[in-house]
Structure formats: C-alpha cells, structure tokens
N, C-alpha and C. Protein backbone atom coordinates (compact mmCIF):
# COMPACT_ATOMS: atom_id res chain seq x y z
N UNK A 1 -24.33 7.44 52.42
CA UNK A 1 -24.24 6.27 53.28
C UNK A 1 -25.53 5.47 53.08
N UNK A 2 -25.36 4.16 52.95
CA UNK A 2 -26.50 3.26 52.81
C UNK A 2 -26.43 2.27 53.95
N UNK A 3 -27.56 2.08 54.64
CA UNK A 3 -27.66 1.11 55.70
C UNK A 3 -28.71 0.09 55.29
N UNK A 4 -28.33 -1.17 55.28
CA UNK A 4 -29.22 -2.25 54.90
C UNK A 4 -29.27 -3.25 56.06
N UNK A 5 -30.48 -3.52 56.54
CA UNK A 5 -30.62 -4.51 57.59
C UNK A 5 -31.42 -5.69 57.00
N UNK A 6 -30.73 -6.81 56.88
CA UNK A 6 -31.34 -7.99 56.28
C UNK A 6 -31.15 -9.17 57.22
N UNK A 7 -32.21 -9.62 57.85
CA UNK A 7 -32.06 -10.68 58.84
C UNK A 7 -31.28 -10.17 60.01
N UNK A 8 -30.15 -10.79 60.31
CA UNK A 8 -29.30 -10.36 61.42
C UNK A 8 -28.04 -9.67 60.94
N UNK A 9 -28.00 -9.34 59.62
CA UNK A 9 -26.79 -8.73 59.07
C UNK A 9 -27.02 -7.24 58.84
N UNK A 10 -26.15 -6.43 59.33
CA UNK A 10 -26.22 -4.97 59.13
C UNK A 10 -25.03 -4.60 58.24
N UNK A 11 -25.33 -3.98 57.10
CA UNK A 11 -24.30 -3.57 56.15
C UNK A 11 -24.31 -2.05 56.05
N UNK A 12 -23.17 -1.45 56.24
CA UNK A 12 -23.05 -0.01 56.07
C UNK A 12 -22.04 0.26 54.97
N UNK A 13 -22.48 0.96 53.95
CA UNK A 13 -21.59 1.30 52.83
C UNK A 13 -21.49 2.79 52.76
N UNK A 14 -20.30 3.32 52.82
CA UNK A 14 -20.08 4.76 52.81
C UNK A 14 -19.97 5.31 51.39
N UNK A 15 -19.76 4.48 50.41
CA UNK A 15 -19.68 4.97 49.04
C UNK A 15 -18.31 5.47 48.65
N UNK A 16 -17.33 5.20 49.45
CA UNK A 16 -15.98 5.61 49.11
C UNK A 16 -15.23 4.43 48.55
N UNK A 17 -14.54 4.67 47.46
CA UNK A 17 -13.73 3.61 46.86
C UNK A 17 -12.64 4.29 46.04
N UNK A 18 -11.48 3.65 45.98
CA UNK A 18 -10.43 4.23 45.16
C UNK A 18 -10.80 4.15 43.67
N UNK A 19 -10.38 5.13 42.94
CA UNK A 19 -10.65 5.10 41.50
C UNK A 19 -9.74 4.06 40.87
N UNK A 20 -10.24 3.47 39.83
CA UNK A 20 -9.49 2.41 39.14
C UNK A 20 -8.67 2.96 37.99
N UNK A 21 -8.47 4.27 37.92
CA UNK A 21 -7.72 4.83 36.84
C UNK A 21 -8.49 4.86 35.55
N UNK A 22 -9.79 4.86 35.63
CA UNK A 22 -10.61 4.84 34.44
C UNK A 22 -10.94 6.27 34.04
N UNK A 23 -10.28 6.74 33.02
CA UNK A 23 -10.50 8.08 32.52
C UNK A 23 -10.69 7.98 31.02
N UNK A 24 -11.58 8.80 30.47
CA UNK A 24 -11.74 8.76 29.00
C UNK A 24 -10.48 9.27 28.31
N UNK A 25 -10.16 8.64 27.20
CA UNK A 25 -9.00 9.08 26.42
C UNK A 25 -9.25 10.49 25.91
N UNK A 26 -8.22 11.30 25.91
CA UNK A 26 -8.36 12.69 25.46
C UNK A 26 -8.71 12.78 23.99
N UNK A 27 -8.26 11.80 23.18
CA UNK A 27 -8.52 11.85 21.74
C UNK A 27 -9.83 11.16 21.39
N UNK A 28 -10.56 10.65 22.38
CA UNK A 28 -11.84 9.96 22.15
C UNK A 28 -12.93 10.70 22.89
N UNK A 29 -13.46 11.81 22.30
CA UNK A 29 -14.46 12.58 22.99
C UNK A 29 -15.76 11.79 23.17
N UNK A 30 -16.43 12.05 24.25
CA UNK A 30 -17.69 11.39 24.52
C UNK A 30 -18.74 11.97 23.60
N UNK A 31 -19.55 11.06 23.01
CA UNK A 31 -20.63 11.49 22.13
C UNK A 31 -21.95 11.14 22.79
N UNK A 32 -22.89 12.07 22.74
CA UNK A 32 -24.22 11.83 23.26
C UNK A 32 -25.15 11.70 22.06
N UNK A 33 -25.82 10.56 21.98
CA UNK A 33 -26.74 10.31 20.89
C UNK A 33 -28.15 10.27 21.45
N UNK A 34 -29.05 10.93 20.78
CA UNK A 34 -30.43 10.88 21.20
C UNK A 34 -31.24 10.07 20.20
N UNK A 35 -32.28 9.46 20.68
CA UNK A 35 -33.13 8.66 19.81
C UNK A 35 -34.08 9.59 19.09
N UNK A 36 -33.77 9.88 17.83
CA UNK A 36 -34.62 10.75 17.02
C UNK A 36 -34.97 10.05 15.72
N UNK A 37 -36.03 10.49 15.04
CA UNK A 37 -36.34 9.90 13.76
C UNK A 37 -35.20 10.02 12.76
N UNK A 38 -34.44 11.11 12.84
CA UNK A 38 -33.30 11.28 11.93
C UNK A 38 -32.24 10.21 12.21
N UNK A 39 -31.99 9.91 13.46
CA UNK A 39 -30.99 8.88 13.81
C UNK A 39 -31.49 7.51 13.37
N UNK A 40 -32.79 7.29 13.48
CA UNK A 40 -33.40 6.04 13.01
C UNK A 40 -33.12 5.88 11.50
N UNK A 41 -33.36 6.94 10.74
CA UNK A 41 -33.13 6.91 9.29
C UNK A 41 -31.64 6.69 9.00
N UNK A 42 -30.78 7.35 9.75
CA UNK A 42 -29.34 7.17 9.54
C UNK A 42 -28.94 5.73 9.76
N UNK A 43 -29.46 5.08 10.80
CA UNK A 43 -29.14 3.68 11.06
C UNK A 43 -29.68 2.77 9.95
N UNK A 44 -30.89 3.09 9.49
CA UNK A 44 -31.47 2.29 8.38
C UNK A 44 -30.58 2.37 7.14
N UNK A 45 -30.11 3.57 6.82
CA UNK A 45 -29.26 3.71 5.64
C UNK A 45 -27.93 3.02 5.82
N UNK A 46 -27.35 3.08 7.04
CA UNK A 46 -26.11 2.38 7.30
C UNK A 46 -26.31 0.88 7.14
N UNK A 47 -27.39 0.36 7.67
CA UNK A 47 -27.68 -1.06 7.58
C UNK A 47 -27.87 -1.51 6.13
N UNK A 48 -28.61 -0.72 5.36
CA UNK A 48 -28.81 -1.05 3.93
C UNK A 48 -27.48 -1.05 3.20
N UNK A 49 -26.62 -0.09 3.50
CA UNK A 49 -25.32 -0.01 2.85
C UNK A 49 -24.46 -1.24 3.19
N UNK A 50 -24.44 -1.61 4.46
CA UNK A 50 -23.63 -2.77 4.88
C UNK A 50 -24.16 -4.04 4.22
N UNK A 51 -25.46 -4.19 4.19
CA UNK A 51 -26.06 -5.40 3.56
C UNK A 51 -25.80 -5.44 2.07
N UNK A 52 -25.80 -4.27 1.42
CA UNK A 52 -25.55 -4.20 -0.02
C UNK A 52 -24.12 -4.60 -0.34
N UNK A 53 -23.17 -4.22 0.53
CA UNK A 53 -21.77 -4.51 0.28
C UNK A 53 -21.32 -5.88 0.77
N UNK A 54 -22.18 -6.58 1.50
CA UNK A 54 -21.82 -7.89 2.07
C UNK A 54 -21.61 -8.91 0.94
N UNK A 55 -20.59 -9.74 1.12
CA UNK A 55 -20.33 -10.80 0.15
C UNK A 55 -20.87 -12.14 0.63
N UNK A 56 -21.28 -12.21 1.89
CA UNK A 56 -21.87 -13.42 2.43
C UNK A 56 -23.24 -13.10 3.02
N UNK A 57 -24.08 -14.09 3.17
CA UNK A 57 -25.37 -13.82 3.80
C UNK A 57 -25.22 -13.32 5.22
N UNK A 58 -26.11 -12.45 5.68
CA UNK A 58 -25.99 -11.90 7.04
C UNK A 58 -26.28 -13.01 8.08
N UNK A 59 -25.77 -12.82 9.29
CA UNK A 59 -26.08 -13.78 10.37
C UNK A 59 -27.58 -13.91 10.59
N UNK A 60 -27.97 -15.05 11.14
CA UNK A 60 -29.37 -15.28 11.43
C UNK A 60 -29.93 -14.18 12.33
N UNK A 61 -31.09 -13.70 12.00
CA UNK A 61 -31.76 -12.71 12.85
C UNK A 61 -31.57 -11.28 12.42
N UNK A 62 -30.58 -11.00 11.59
CA UNK A 62 -30.32 -9.61 11.18
C UNK A 62 -31.49 -9.06 10.39
N UNK A 63 -32.01 -9.82 9.45
CA UNK A 63 -33.13 -9.35 8.65
C UNK A 63 -34.35 -9.05 9.51
N UNK A 64 -34.61 -9.91 10.50
CA UNK A 64 -35.75 -9.71 11.38
C UNK A 64 -35.56 -8.46 12.25
N UNK A 65 -34.35 -8.30 12.79
CA UNK A 65 -34.07 -7.09 13.60
C UNK A 65 -34.23 -5.82 12.76
N UNK A 66 -33.71 -5.87 11.54
CA UNK A 66 -33.78 -4.70 10.66
C UNK A 66 -35.25 -4.38 10.35
N UNK A 67 -36.04 -5.37 9.99
CA UNK A 67 -37.45 -5.15 9.67
C UNK A 67 -38.22 -4.63 10.88
N UNK A 68 -37.97 -5.21 12.05
CA UNK A 68 -38.62 -4.76 13.27
C UNK A 68 -38.23 -3.32 13.59
N UNK A 69 -36.94 -3.04 13.46
CA UNK A 69 -36.45 -1.69 13.76
C UNK A 69 -37.08 -0.65 12.86
N UNK A 70 -37.12 -0.97 11.56
CA UNK A 70 -37.72 -0.02 10.61
C UNK A 70 -39.21 0.19 10.91
N UNK A 71 -39.92 -0.91 11.20
CA UNK A 71 -41.35 -0.82 11.51
C UNK A 71 -41.60 0.03 12.76
N UNK A 72 -40.79 -0.20 13.80
CA UNK A 72 -40.96 0.56 15.04
C UNK A 72 -40.67 2.04 14.82
N UNK A 73 -39.65 2.35 14.05
CA UNK A 73 -39.33 3.74 13.75
C UNK A 73 -40.49 4.42 13.02
N UNK A 74 -41.08 3.70 12.05
CA UNK A 74 -42.20 4.24 11.29
C UNK A 74 -43.43 4.46 12.16
N UNK A 75 -43.57 3.64 13.21
CA UNK A 75 -44.71 3.78 14.11
C UNK A 75 -44.45 4.80 15.22
N UNK A 76 -43.29 5.41 15.22
CA UNK A 76 -42.97 6.42 16.23
C UNK A 76 -42.36 5.86 17.50
N UNK A 77 -42.08 4.57 17.53
CA UNK A 77 -41.43 3.97 18.68
C UNK A 77 -39.93 3.98 18.42
N UNK A 78 -39.38 5.18 18.51
CA UNK A 78 -38.01 5.43 18.07
C UNK A 78 -37.00 4.62 18.87
N UNK A 79 -37.12 4.62 20.20
CA UNK A 79 -36.12 3.95 21.03
C UNK A 79 -36.04 2.47 20.69
N UNK A 80 -37.18 1.79 20.58
CA UNK A 80 -37.18 0.38 20.21
C UNK A 80 -36.61 0.15 18.84
N UNK A 81 -36.94 1.05 17.88
CA UNK A 81 -36.42 0.93 16.54
C UNK A 81 -34.90 1.08 16.49
N UNK A 82 -34.42 2.10 17.17
CA UNK A 82 -32.96 2.36 17.22
C UNK A 82 -32.24 1.18 17.87
N UNK A 83 -32.82 0.66 18.92
CA UNK A 83 -32.19 -0.49 19.61
C UNK A 83 -32.04 -1.69 18.68
N UNK A 84 -33.08 -2.00 17.93
CA UNK A 84 -33.01 -3.13 17.04
C UNK A 84 -32.09 -2.90 15.84
N UNK A 85 -32.11 -1.69 15.31
CA UNK A 85 -31.21 -1.37 14.20
C UNK A 85 -29.74 -1.42 14.63
N UNK A 86 -29.46 -0.90 15.80
CA UNK A 86 -28.08 -0.95 16.31
C UNK A 86 -27.65 -2.38 16.54
N UNK A 87 -28.54 -3.22 17.07
CA UNK A 87 -28.21 -4.60 17.32
C UNK A 87 -27.90 -5.31 16.01
N UNK A 88 -28.69 -5.03 14.96
CA UNK A 88 -28.43 -5.64 13.67
C UNK A 88 -27.08 -5.24 13.15
N UNK A 89 -26.71 -3.96 13.31
CA UNK A 89 -25.39 -3.51 12.87
C UNK A 89 -24.27 -4.16 13.69
N UNK A 90 -24.49 -4.39 14.97
CA UNK A 90 -23.50 -5.07 15.78
C UNK A 90 -23.30 -6.51 15.29
N UNK A 91 -24.39 -7.18 14.98
CA UNK A 91 -24.29 -8.55 14.48
C UNK A 91 -23.54 -8.62 13.15
N UNK A 92 -23.63 -7.54 12.38
CA UNK A 92 -22.93 -7.48 11.11
C UNK A 92 -21.49 -6.99 11.26
N UNK A 93 -21.14 -6.62 12.46
CA UNK A 93 -19.77 -6.13 12.73
C UNK A 93 -19.55 -4.71 12.25
N UNK A 94 -20.62 -3.95 12.10
CA UNK A 94 -20.52 -2.58 11.60
C UNK A 94 -21.24 -1.63 12.55
N UNK A 95 -20.96 -1.72 13.84
CA UNK A 95 -21.63 -0.91 14.84
C UNK A 95 -21.31 0.56 14.62
N UNK A 96 -22.29 1.43 14.85
CA UNK A 96 -22.01 2.88 14.76
C UNK A 96 -20.89 3.24 15.70
N UNK A 97 -19.97 4.06 15.24
CA UNK A 97 -18.83 4.45 16.05
C UNK A 97 -17.62 3.59 15.79
N UNK A 98 -17.79 2.44 15.10
CA UNK A 98 -16.70 1.60 14.73
C UNK A 98 -16.02 0.86 15.88
N UNK A 99 -16.65 0.82 17.06
CA UNK A 99 -16.01 0.16 18.19
C UNK A 99 -16.64 -1.17 18.50
N UNK A 100 -17.69 -1.57 17.76
CA UNK A 100 -18.31 -2.88 17.99
C UNK A 100 -19.22 -2.91 19.18
N UNK A 101 -19.72 -1.73 19.65
CA UNK A 101 -20.58 -1.70 20.83
C UNK A 101 -22.02 -1.71 20.49
C-alpha cells in the first residue's frame, strides 16, 4: 500500500490490478544477457559482419556508435560499450535476437 499526500489530495494505492493477459510465449524462452567483455566482442563481430554485407551506406551515426562502443569496451566500460554497439545494430536493423529491440 502506498499513501501519498500532496497538497490537499490523499491518494491510496493498494497495488492490485487485473492482469492484462501478458504471458511469455512458451516457445520464446526468456534470455538473460550479462554485460561481459565476451558479449562486447560478440556484438563487435556481429556489427562488422552486418557492415561488410551491407549494399548501402549505414544510417547516420552508426559508425560513431560503433567506434564509441568499441572504445568503451576496450577501456573496460562494458555496459556503455554494449549499449552503443546494440544501438548501432538496431539502427542497421540487425538487433541481437532478431526482434529489432
């Protein structure tokens, strides 16, 4: 239960709500990915492969994101590197997992 008193308004929220029928698909298991140097390298290789196979120039910003991501991974800032590399892959339409996320 949460009680919030703001000005003259008192709000009480019990935290109960009907479920919206949101359940993971049985054929789509949940994957947990951790930010590791190995994952950083995997994303770099995926990005290089996608860029090598591209027939058109990449969208604006992809090269900068890729360079920043690689630099951050090399400096040990894995989370920032992974974030930028994944964003570059999303912009290229080749997000890890194939779902465009």
